[in-house]
Amino acid sequence: MKNILLAGFGGQGVLFAGKIMATAGLFEDQYVSWLPSYGPEMRGGTANCSVCLSEEPIGSPLVLEPDVLVVMNLPSYDKFIDAVVPGGIAIIDSSLVNKRCERTDIKCFYVPATQLADEKGLKGLSNIILLGKTLRETQFAQSETVERAIEKCVPPRKQNLVQANLEAFRLGMSQQD
């Protein structure tokens, strides 16, 4: 079972990235839960989502102690970094989080996702870059399955963005430690 928490500001796409993870889990016949949580302001406020992927039925969709934490901003880092279980993983957008984790019982991966997205013409897709890095480090699904999930989750009115999402995902997968 993987308990994953994705967190950031509203508008950064943490809920969308979580939805892709959950969809990939469904495609691979796993038990899945996806639980979004919004701050009162929505865009610009806080947003996070809990994703559970399991071979067994899931008792609770709420992730309070994540195995995997994906953080896209400093307030989310400060709020959730201590909740990661020992032996867990944190994937951190180092463009927006200027701290280094002092915990020695978890693995932290720093990806300048926002900066990479801007440099590569993938503005607004830092969430998908972090999704790619998360897959690389956790193997929560097969990469082909995640690509199928991206194609499924991008809404029909935004089909022109599928290729950019796939490019961002592959860029995240290619990020070295």
N, C-alpha and C. Protein backbone atom coordinates (compact mmCIF):
# COMPACT_ATOMS: atom_id res chain seq x y z
N MET A 1 0.84 -1.19 0.00
CA MET A 1 0.00 0.00 0.00
C MET A 1 0.88 1.24 0.00
N LYS A 2 0.53 2.18 -0.85
CA LYS A 2 1.22 3.47 -0.88
C LYS A 2 0.23 4.55 -0.43
N ASN A 3 0.62 5.31 0.57
CA ASN A 3 -0.15 6.46 1.02
C ASN A 3 0.61 7.70 0.59
N ILE A 4 0.02 8.44 -0.34
CA ILE A 4 0.70 9.57 -0.96
C ILE A 4 -0.07 10.85 -0.64
N LEU A 5 0.66 11.89 -0.28
CA LEU A 5 0.07 13.20 -0.05
C LEU A 5 0.74 14.19 -0.98
N LEU A 6 -0.08 14.88 -1.77
CA LEU A 6 0.42 15.93 -2.66
C LEU A 6 -0.12 17.25 -2.13
N ALA A 7 0.75 18.26 -2.03
CA ALA A 7 0.32 19.52 -1.41
C ALA A 7 0.98 20.72 -2.06
N GLY A 8 0.22 21.81 -2.14
CA GLY A 8 0.73 23.06 -2.70
C GLY A 8 -0.33 24.14 -2.63
N PHE A 9 -0.15 25.18 -3.43
CA PHE A 9 -1.16 26.23 -3.55
C PHE A 9 -2.24 25.78 -4.52
N GLY A 10 -3.46 26.28 -4.33
CA GLY A 10 -4.51 26.05 -5.32
C GLY A 10 -4.04 26.61 -6.65
N GLY A 11 -4.31 25.91 -7.73
CA GLY A 11 -3.89 26.36 -9.05
C GLY A 11 -2.58 25.75 -9.51
N GLN A 12 -1.85 25.06 -8.61
CA GLN A 12 -0.59 24.43 -9.01
C GLN A 12 -0.80 23.05 -9.61
N GLY A 13 -2.01 22.52 -9.50
CA GLY A 13 -2.28 21.23 -10.12
C GLY A 13 -2.03 20.02 -9.25
N VAL A 14 -1.99 20.19 -7.92
CA VAL A 14 -1.75 19.03 -7.07
C VAL A 14 -2.93 18.05 -7.14
N LEU A 15 -4.15 18.57 -7.25
CA LEU A 15 -5.31 17.68 -7.33
C LEU A 15 -5.29 16.91 -8.65
N PHE A 16 -4.92 17.60 -9.73
CA PHE A 16 -4.84 16.96 -11.04
C PHE A 16 -3.76 15.87 -11.05
N ALA A 17 -2.60 16.15 -10.47
CA ALA A 17 -1.54 15.15 -10.42
C ALA A 17 -2.00 13.93 -9.61
N GLY A 18 -2.71 14.18 -8.51
CA GLY A 18 -3.25 13.09 -7.71
C GLY A 18 -4.28 12.27 -8.48
N LYS A 19 -5.08 12.97 -9.27
CA LYS A 19 -6.09 12.28 -10.08
C LYS A 19 -5.42 11.37 -11.11
N ILE A 20 -4.32 11.81 -11.69
CA ILE A 20 -3.58 10.98 -12.64
C ILE A 20 -3.04 9.73 -11.93
N MET A 21 -2.48 9.92 -10.72
CA MET A 21 -1.98 8.77 -9.95
C MET A 21 -3.10 7.76 -9.69
N ALA A 22 -4.24 8.27 -9.25
CA ALA A 22 -5.37 7.40 -8.92
C ALA A 22 -5.87 6.68 -10.18
N THR A 23 -5.93 7.39 -11.29
CA THR A 23 -6.38 6.78 -12.55
C THR A 23 -5.42 5.69 -12.98
N ALA A 24 -4.13 5.93 -12.84
CA ALA A 24 -3.13 4.90 -13.18
C ALA A 24 -3.35 3.67 -12.30
N GLY A 25 -3.62 3.88 -11.01
CA GLY A 25 -3.90 2.77 -10.11
C GLY A 25 -5.12 1.98 -10.56
N LEU A 26 -6.17 2.67 -10.98
CA LEU A 26 -7.37 2.00 -11.49
C LEU A 26 -7.04 1.17 -12.72
N PHE A 27 -6.25 1.76 -13.64
CA PHE A 27 -5.87 1.04 -14.86
C PHE A 27 -5.10 -0.24 -14.53
N GLU A 28 -4.40 -0.25 -13.40
CA GLU A 28 -3.61 -1.43 -13.01
C GLU A 28 -4.35 -2.30 -11.99
N ASP A 29 -5.67 -2.11 -11.91
CA ASP A 29 -6.54 -2.93 -11.06
C ASP A 29 -6.17 -2.90 -9.58
N GLN A 30 -5.71 -1.75 -9.12
CA GLN A 30 -5.43 -1.58 -7.69
C GLN A 30 -6.68 -1.01 -7.01
N TYR A 31 -6.75 -1.16 -5.70
CA TYR A 31 -7.72 -0.41 -4.92
C TYR A 31 -7.18 1.02 -4.84
N VAL A 32 -8.07 1.98 -5.00
CA VAL A 32 -7.64 3.38 -5.12
C VAL A 32 -8.56 4.29 -4.32
N SER A 33 -7.99 5.30 -3.70
CA SER A 33 -8.80 6.42 -3.19
C SER A 33 -8.08 7.72 -3.53
N TRP A 34 -8.88 8.73 -3.78
CA TRP A 34 -8.39 10.08 -4.11
C TRP A 34 -9.25 11.04 -3.32
N LEU A 35 -8.66 11.75 -2.39
CA LEU A 35 -9.42 12.64 -1.53
C LEU A 35 -8.84 14.05 -1.58
N PRO A 36 -9.52 14.97 -2.30
CA PRO A 36 -9.02 16.35 -2.38
C PRO A 36 -9.37 17.14 -1.13
N SER A 37 -8.54 18.13 -0.83
CA SER A 37 -8.79 19.04 0.29
C SER A 37 -8.36 20.43 -0.14
N TYR A 38 -9.29 21.38 -0.03
CA TYR A 38 -9.02 22.75 -0.47
C TYR A 38 -9.00 23.68 0.71
N GLY A 39 -8.15 24.71 0.63
CA GLY A 39 -8.25 25.81 1.58
C GLY A 39 -9.43 26.67 1.15
N PRO A 40 -9.86 27.62 1.96
CA PRO A 40 -11.05 28.40 1.63
C PRO A 40 -10.90 29.28 0.40
N GLU A 41 -9.68 29.61 0.03
CA GLU A 41 -9.50 30.55 -1.08
C GLU A 41 -9.44 29.89 -2.45
N MET A 42 -9.26 28.56 -2.50
CA MET A 42 -9.03 27.83 -3.76
C MET A 42 -7.76 28.36 -4.42
N ARG A 43 -7.87 28.95 -5.62
CA ARG A 43 -6.67 29.38 -6.33
C ARG A 43 -5.88 30.37 -5.46
N GLY A 44 -4.66 29.99 -5.15
CA GLY A 44 -3.84 30.82 -4.28
C GLY A 44 -3.88 30.37 -2.83
N GLY A 45 -4.95 29.68 -2.45
CA GLY A 45 -5.02 29.10 -1.10
C GLY A 45 -4.31 27.77 -1.11
N THR A 46 -4.43 27.03 -0.02
CA THR A 46 -3.77 25.73 0.01
C THR A 46 -4.65 24.66 -0.61
N ALA A 47 -4.01 23.69 -1.20
CA ALA A 47 -4.72 22.54 -1.75
C ALA A 47 -3.84 21.32 -1.52
N ASN A 48 -4.47 20.22 -1.16
CA ASN A 48 -3.71 18.98 -1.09
C ASN A 48 -4.66 17.83 -1.39
N CYS A 49 -4.08 16.70 -1.71
CA CYS A 49 -4.92 15.52 -1.88
C CYS A 49 -4.19 14.29 -1.41
N SER A 50 -4.99 13.39 -0.88
CA SER A 50 -4.51 12.09 -0.41
C SER A 50 -4.81 11.07 -1.49
N VAL A 51 -3.81 10.29 -1.85
CA VAL A 51 -3.99 9.20 -2.81
C VAL A 51 -3.51 7.92 -2.14
N CYS A 52 -4.37 6.91 -2.13
CA CYS A 52 -4.00 5.59 -1.62
C CYS A 52 -4.07 4.60 -2.76
N LEU A 53 -3.02 3.83 -2.93
CA LEU A 53 -2.96 2.78 -3.95
C LEU A 53 -2.61 1.49 -3.22
N SER A 54 -3.43 0.45 -3.42
CA SER A 54 -3.23 -0.76 -2.64
C SER A 54 -3.71 -2.00 -3.36
N GLU A 55 -3.13 -3.12 -2.99
CA GLU A 55 -3.60 -4.43 -3.47
C GLU A 55 -4.77 -4.92 -2.63
N GLU A 56 -4.96 -4.30 -1.47
CA GLU A 56 -6.02 -4.69 -0.52
C GLU A 56 -7.03 -3.54 -0.41
N PRO A 57 -8.25 -3.83 0.06
CA PRO A 57 -9.21 -2.74 0.29
C PRO A 57 -8.61 -1.67 1.21
N ILE A 58 -9.00 -0.42 0.98
CA ILE A 58 -8.45 0.72 1.71
C ILE A 58 -9.38 1.08 2.86
N GLY A 59 -8.84 1.14 4.07
CA GLY A 59 -9.65 1.42 5.25
C GLY A 59 -10.08 2.88 5.33
N SER A 60 -9.16 3.80 5.08
CA SER A 60 -9.48 5.22 5.15
C SER A 60 -8.79 5.95 4.01
N PRO A 61 -9.52 6.85 3.34
CA PRO A 61 -8.91 7.59 2.24
C PRO A 61 -8.03 8.76 2.69
N LEU A 62 -8.06 9.06 3.97
CA LEU A 62 -7.31 10.21 4.49
C LEU A 62 -5.88 9.80 4.81
N VAL A 63 -4.91 10.51 4.24
CA VAL A 63 -3.50 10.20 4.49
C VAL A 63 -2.96 11.22 5.50
N LEU A 64 -2.75 10.75 6.72
CA LEU A 64 -2.19 11.61 7.77
C LEU A 64 -0.70 11.38 7.94
N GLU A 65 -0.24 10.16 7.59
CA GLU A 65 1.17 9.80 7.69
C GLU A 65 1.60 9.23 6.34
N PRO A 66 1.99 10.11 5.42
CA PRO A 66 2.30 9.65 4.07
C PRO A 66 3.61 8.86 3.98
N ASP A 67 3.60 7.85 3.10
CA ASP A 67 4.84 7.17 2.72
C ASP A 67 5.58 8.06 1.73
N VAL A 68 4.78 8.79 0.94
CA VAL A 68 5.32 9.66 -0.11
C VAL A 68 4.65 11.02 0.03
N LEU A 69 5.47 12.06 0.09
CA LEU A 69 4.98 13.44 0.16
C LEU A 69 5.52 14.18 -1.06
N VAL A 70 4.62 14.83 -1.80
CA VAL A 70 5.02 15.67 -2.92
C VAL A 70 4.61 17.09 -2.54
N VAL A 71 5.61 17.98 -2.38
CA VAL A 71 5.28 19.35 -1.96
C VAL A 71 5.73 20.37 -3.00
N MET A 72 4.82 21.33 -3.25
CA MET A 72 5.05 22.32 -4.29
C MET A 72 5.23 23.73 -3.75
N ASN A 73 5.19 23.90 -2.42
CA ASN A 73 5.41 25.24 -1.86
C ASN A 73 5.90 25.13 -0.42
N LEU A 74 6.42 26.23 0.10
CA LEU A 74 7.01 26.24 1.43
C LEU A 74 5.99 26.00 2.55
N PRO A 75 4.80 26.63 2.51
CA PRO A 75 3.83 26.35 3.58
C PRO A 75 3.47 24.86 3.66
N SER A 76 3.34 24.19 2.53
CA SER A 76 3.02 22.76 2.52
C SER A 76 4.19 21.94 3.07
N TYR A 77 5.40 22.33 2.69
CA TYR A 77 6.60 21.66 3.22
C TYR A 77 6.61 21.75 4.74
N ASP A 78 6.46 22.99 5.24
CA ASP A 78 6.49 23.20 6.70
C ASP A 78 5.39 22.41 7.40
N LYS A 79 4.22 22.34 6.79
CA LYS A 79 3.08 21.67 7.41
C LYS A 79 3.20 20.15 7.43
N PHE A 80 3.76 19.56 6.36
CA PHE A 80 3.66 18.11 6.21
C PHE A 80 4.97 17.33 6.31
N ILE A 81 6.13 17.97 6.27
CA ILE A 81 7.39 17.21 6.20
C ILE A 81 7.57 16.30 7.42
N ASP A 82 7.13 16.74 8.58
CA ASP A 82 7.31 15.91 9.77
C ASP A 82 6.33 14.75 9.86
N ALA A 83 5.30 14.75 9.01
CA ALA A 83 4.29 13.68 9.02
C ALA A 83 4.74 12.46 8.21
N VAL A 84 5.76 12.62 7.36
CA VAL A 84 6.21 11.50 6.53
C VAL A 84 6.73 10.38 7.43
N VAL A 85 6.30 9.15 7.14
CA VAL A 85 6.72 8.02 7.98
C VAL A 85 8.22 7.77 7.82
N PRO A 86 8.88 7.30 8.86
CA PRO A 86 10.29 6.93 8.72
C PRO A 86 10.44 5.92 7.57
N GLY A 87 11.46 6.13 6.76
CA GLY A 87 11.65 5.29 5.58
C GLY A 87 10.89 5.82 4.37
N GLY A 88 10.13 6.91 4.56
CA GLY A 88 9.34 7.49 3.48
C GLY A 88 10.17 8.36 2.55
N ILE A 89 9.46 8.95 1.60
CA ILE A 89 10.09 9.75 0.55
C ILE A 89 9.39 11.10 0.45
N ALA A 90 10.17 12.15 0.25
CA ALA A 90 9.62 13.49 -0.03
C ALA A 90 10.18 13.96 -1.37
N ILE A 91 9.28 14.38 -2.25
CA ILE A 91 9.65 14.96 -3.54
C ILE A 91 9.31 16.45 -3.42
N ILE A 92 10.32 17.31 -3.56
CA ILE A 92 10.18 18.71 -3.22
C ILE A 92 10.51 19.60 -4.42
N ASP A 93 9.61 20.56 -4.72
CA ASP A 93 9.91 21.53 -5.77
C ASP A 93 10.89 22.54 -5.19
N SER A 94 12.17 22.35 -5.50
CA SER A 94 13.20 23.21 -4.92
C SER A 94 13.21 24.61 -5.51
N SER A 95 12.42 24.86 -6.55
CA SER A 95 12.27 26.22 -7.06
C SER A 95 11.50 27.08 -6.06
N LEU A 96 10.57 26.46 -5.34
CA LEU A 96 9.68 27.20 -4.44
C LEU A 96 9.89 26.88 -2.97
N VAL A 97 10.67 25.84 -2.68
CA VAL A 97 10.97 25.47 -1.30
C VAL A 97 12.48 25.63 -1.11
N ASN A 98 12.85 26.66 -0.37
CA ASN A 98 14.28 26.99 -0.22
C ASN A 98 14.89 26.40 1.05
N LYS A 99 14.32 25.29 1.52
CA LYS A 99 14.84 24.63 2.72
C LYS A 99 15.35 23.25 2.35
N ARG A 100 16.24 22.75 3.16
CA ARG A 100 16.70 21.36 3.06
C ARG A 100 16.18 20.63 4.29
N CYS A 101 15.68 19.44 4.08
CA CYS A 101 15.12 18.65 5.18
C CYS A 101 16.26 18.15 6.07
N GLU A 102 16.09 18.29 7.36
CA GLU A 102 17.11 17.83 8.30
C GLU A 102 16.86 16.42 8.79
N ARG A 103 15.73 15.84 8.42
CA ARG A 103 15.44 14.46 8.84
C ARG A 103 16.38 13.50 8.12
N THR A 104 16.88 12.54 8.86
CA THR A 104 17.78 11.54 8.26
C THR A 104 17.07 10.21 8.05
N ASP A 105 15.81 10.12 8.48
CA ASP A 105 15.08 8.86 8.37
C ASP A 105 14.15 8.79 7.15
N ILE A 106 14.22 9.81 6.29
CA ILE A 106 13.46 9.79 5.03
C ILE A 106 14.39 10.20 3.89
N LYS A 107 14.01 9.83 2.66
CA LYS A 107 14.76 10.24 1.48
C LYS A 107 14.08 11.46 0.88
N CYS A 108 14.87 12.49 0.62
CA CYS A 108 14.32 13.69 0.00
C CYS A 108 14.94 13.89 -1.38
N PHE A 109 14.10 14.25 -2.32
CA PHE A 109 14.54 14.52 -3.68
C PHE A 109 14.11 15.95 -4.02
N TYR A 110 15.08 16.76 -4.42
CA TYR A 110 14.84 18.16 -4.71
C TYR A 110 14.86 18.35 -6.22
N VAL A 111 13.72 18.76 -6.77
CA VAL A 111 13.59 18.95 -8.22
C VAL A 111 13.16 20.40 -8.45
N PRO A 112 13.93 21.17 -9.21
CA PRO A 112 13.53 22.56 -9.48
C PRO A 112 12.41 22.58 -10.54
N ALA A 113 11.27 21.99 -10.21
CA ALA A 113 10.21 21.73 -11.19
C ALA A 113 9.65 23.01 -11.82
N THR A 114 9.39 24.02 -11.03
CA THR A 114 8.83 25.26 -11.59
C THR A 114 9.82 25.90 -12.55
N GLN A 115 11.09 25.94 -12.17
CA GLN A 115 12.13 26.50 -13.03
C GLN A 115 12.26 25.68 -14.32
N LEU A 116 12.29 24.35 -14.20
CA LEU A 116 12.39 23.48 -15.38
C LEU A 116 11.22 23.69 -16.32
N ALA A 117 10.02 23.78 -15.75
CA ALA A 117 8.81 23.97 -16.57
C ALA A 117 8.93 25.28 -17.36
N ASP A 118 9.37 26.34 -16.70
CA ASP A 118 9.52 27.63 -17.38
C ASP A 118 10.59 27.57 -18.47
N GLU A 119 11.73 26.94 -18.16
CA GLU A 119 12.84 26.87 -19.13
C GLU A 119 12.50 26.03 -20.35
N LYS A 120 11.70 24.99 -20.17
CA LYS A 120 11.41 24.05 -21.26
C LYS A 120 10.12 24.38 -22.00
N GLY A 121 9.53 25.55 -21.72
CA GLY A 121 8.29 25.92 -22.39
C GLY A 121 7.10 25.10 -21.91
N LEU A 122 7.15 24.65 -20.67
CA LEU A 122 6.09 23.82 -20.09
C LEU A 122 5.47 24.54 -18.88
N LYS A 123 5.33 25.84 -19.00
CA LYS A 123 4.81 26.66 -17.90
C LYS A 123 3.51 26.08 -17.36
N GLY A 124 3.43 25.99 -16.04
CA GLY A 124 2.22 25.46 -15.41
C GLY A 124 2.21 23.95 -15.28
N LEU A 125 3.29 23.28 -15.70
CA LEU A 125 3.31 21.82 -15.65
C LEU A 125 4.35 21.29 -14.66
N SER A 126 4.72 22.11 -13.69
CA SER A 126 5.66 21.64 -12.67
C SER A 126 5.06 20.46 -11.89
N ASN A 127 3.73 20.45 -11.74
CA ASN A 127 3.08 19.33 -11.06
C ASN A 127 3.33 18.01 -11.79
N ILE A 128 3.34 18.04 -13.10
CA ILE A 128 3.52 16.82 -13.89
C ILE A 128 5.00 16.41 -13.90
N ILE A 129 5.89 17.40 -13.84
CA ILE A 129 7.32 17.08 -13.69
C ILE A 129 7.53 16.34 -12.37
N LEU A 130 6.92 16.83 -11.30
CA LEU A 130 7.05 16.17 -9.99
C LEU A 130 6.38 14.80 -10.01
N LEU A 131 5.30 14.65 -10.76
CA LEU A 131 4.65 13.35 -10.91
C LEU A 131 5.63 12.35 -11.54
N GLY A 132 6.34 12.79 -12.57
CA GLY A 132 7.34 11.92 -13.21
C GLY A 132 8.44 11.51 -12.25
N LYS A 133 8.94 12.45 -11.47
CA LYS A 133 9.98 12.14 -10.48
C LYS A 133 9.43 11.19 -9.41
N THR A 134 8.18 11.39 -9.02
CA THR A 134 7.57 10.51 -8.02
C THR A 134 7.49 9.08 -8.56
N LEU A 135 7.12 8.94 -9.82
CA LEU A 135 7.06 7.60 -10.40
C LEU A 135 8.46 6.99 -10.42
N ARG A 136 9.46 7.76 -10.81
CA ARG A 136 10.82 7.25 -10.88
C ARG A 136 11.28 6.70 -9.52
N GLU A 137 10.92 7.40 -8.45
CA GLU A 137 11.42 7.02 -7.12
C GLU A 137 10.54 6.01 -6.40
N THR A 138 9.26 5.87 -6.79
CA THR A 138 8.36 4.99 -6.03
C THR A 138 7.79 3.84 -6.84
N GLN A 139 7.83 3.94 -8.16
CA GLN A 139 7.24 2.90 -9.02
C GLN A 139 5.79 2.62 -8.62
N PHE A 140 4.99 3.67 -8.41
CA PHE A 140 3.60 3.46 -8.00
C PHE A 140 2.76 2.84 -9.11
N ALA A 141 3.28 2.87 -10.35
CA ALA A 141 2.60 2.26 -11.51
C ALA A 141 3.64 2.11 -12.62
N GLN A 142 3.24 1.52 -13.73
CA GLN A 142 4.11 1.45 -14.91
C GLN A 142 4.08 2.80 -15.62
N SER A 143 5.18 3.23 -16.21
CA SER A 143 5.20 4.54 -16.87
C SER A 143 4.18 4.62 -18.01
N GLU A 144 4.00 3.51 -18.75
CA GLU A 144 3.03 3.52 -19.85
C GLU A 144 1.62 3.73 -19.30
N THR A 145 1.35 3.16 -18.13
CA THR A 145 0.03 3.33 -17.51
C THR A 145 -0.19 4.78 -17.12
N VAL A 146 0.83 5.41 -16.56
CA VAL A 146 0.71 6.82 -16.17
C VAL A 146 0.49 7.69 -17.41
N GLU A 147 1.17 7.38 -18.49
CA GLU A 147 0.97 8.15 -19.72
C GLU A 147 -0.47 7.99 -20.22
N ARG A 148 -1.01 6.77 -20.13
CA ARG A 148 -2.42 6.55 -20.50
C ARG A 148 -3.34 7.36 -19.58
N ALA A 149 -3.00 7.39 -18.29
CA ALA A 149 -3.81 8.14 -17.32
C ALA A 149 -3.77 9.64 -17.63
N ILE A 150 -2.61 10.15 -18.04
CA ILE A 150 -2.52 11.57 -18.43
C ILE A 150 -3.46 11.82 -19.60
N GLU A 151 -3.40 10.96 -20.62
CA GLU A 151 -4.26 11.13 -21.79
C GLU A 151 -5.73 11.10 -21.40
N LYS A 152 -6.09 10.27 -20.43
CA LYS A 152 -7.48 10.14 -19.98
C LYS A 152 -7.91 11.34 -19.14
N CYS A 153 -7.02 11.85 -18.30
CA CYS A 153 -7.39 12.90 -17.34
C CYS A 153 -7.39 14.31 -17.91
N VAL A 154 -6.63 14.54 -18.98
CA VAL A 154 -6.67 15.87 -19.60
C VAL A 154 -8.05 16.01 -20.24
N PRO A 155 -8.81 17.04 -19.85
CA PRO A 155 -10.18 17.15 -20.35
C PRO A 155 -10.23 17.39 -21.87
N PRO A 156 -11.34 16.99 -22.49
CA PRO A 156 -11.47 17.13 -23.95
C PRO A 156 -11.16 18.53 -24.47
N ARG A 157 -11.57 19.56 -23.72
CA ARG A 157 -11.34 20.94 -24.19
C ARG A 157 -9.87 21.35 -24.13
N LYS A 158 -9.05 20.52 -23.49
CA LYS A 158 -7.62 20.84 -23.36
C LYS A 158 -6.74 19.77 -24.01
N GLN A 159 -7.28 19.03 -24.96
CA GLN A 159 -6.52 17.95 -25.60
C GLN A 159 -5.23 18.45 -26.23
N ASN A 160 -5.19 19.72 -26.60
CA ASN A 160 -3.96 20.29 -27.17
C ASN A 160 -2.81 20.30 -26.17
N LEU A 161 -3.10 20.06 -24.87
CA LEU A 161 -2.07 20.07 -23.84
C LEU A 161 -1.54 18.67 -23.49
N VAL A 162 -2.10 17.63 -24.11
CA VAL A 162 -1.68 16.26 -23.79
C VAL A 162 -0.19 16.08 -24.04
N GLN A 163 0.30 16.48 -25.20
CA GLN A 163 1.72 16.28 -25.53
C GLN A 163 2.64 17.02 -24.56
N ALA A 164 2.27 18.24 -24.18
CA ALA A 164 3.09 19.00 -23.22
C ALA A 164 3.10 18.28 -21.86
N ASN A 165 1.95 17.74 -21.45
CA ASN A 165 1.90 16.98 -20.20
C ASN A 165 2.79 15.75 -20.26
N LEU A 166 2.75 15.04 -21.38
CA LEU A 166 3.59 13.85 -21.54
C LEU A 166 5.07 14.24 -21.51
N GLU A 167 5.40 15.35 -22.16
CA GLU A 167 6.78 15.83 -22.17
C GLU A 167 7.24 16.20 -20.75
N ALA A 168 6.37 16.87 -19.99
CA ALA A 168 6.70 17.24 -18.60
C ALA A 168 6.89 15.99 -17.75
N PHE A 169 6.02 15.00 -17.94
CA PHE A 169 6.10 13.74 -17.19
C PHE A 169 7.44 13.05 -17.47
N ARG A 170 7.82 12.97 -18.72
CA ARG A 170 9.08 12.31 -19.11
C ARG A 170 10.28 13.11 -18.58
N LEU A 171 10.17 14.43 -18.58
CA LEU A 171 11.24 15.27 -18.04
C LEU A 171 11.41 14.97 -16.55
N GLY A 172 10.33 14.85 -15.82
CA GLY A 172 10.41 14.52 -14.40
C GLY A 172 11.01 13.15 -14.17
N MET A 173 10.65 12.18 -15.01
CA MET A 173 11.22 10.83 -14.88
C MET A 173 12.72 10.82 -15.12
N SER A 174 13.20 11.76 -15.92
CA SER A 174 14.63 11.78 -16.27
C SER A 174 15.48 12.51 -15.22
N GLN A 175 14.86 13.11 -14.22
CA GLN A 175 15.61 13.89 -13.22
C GLN A 175 16.45 12.96 -12.34
N GLN A 176 17.75 13.23 -12.34
CA GLN A 176 18.67 12.47 -11.49
C GLN A 176 18.52 12.94 -10.06
N ASP A 177 19.04 12.18 -9.14
CA ASP A 177 18.89 12.50 -7.71
C ASP A 177 19.63 13.75 -7.33
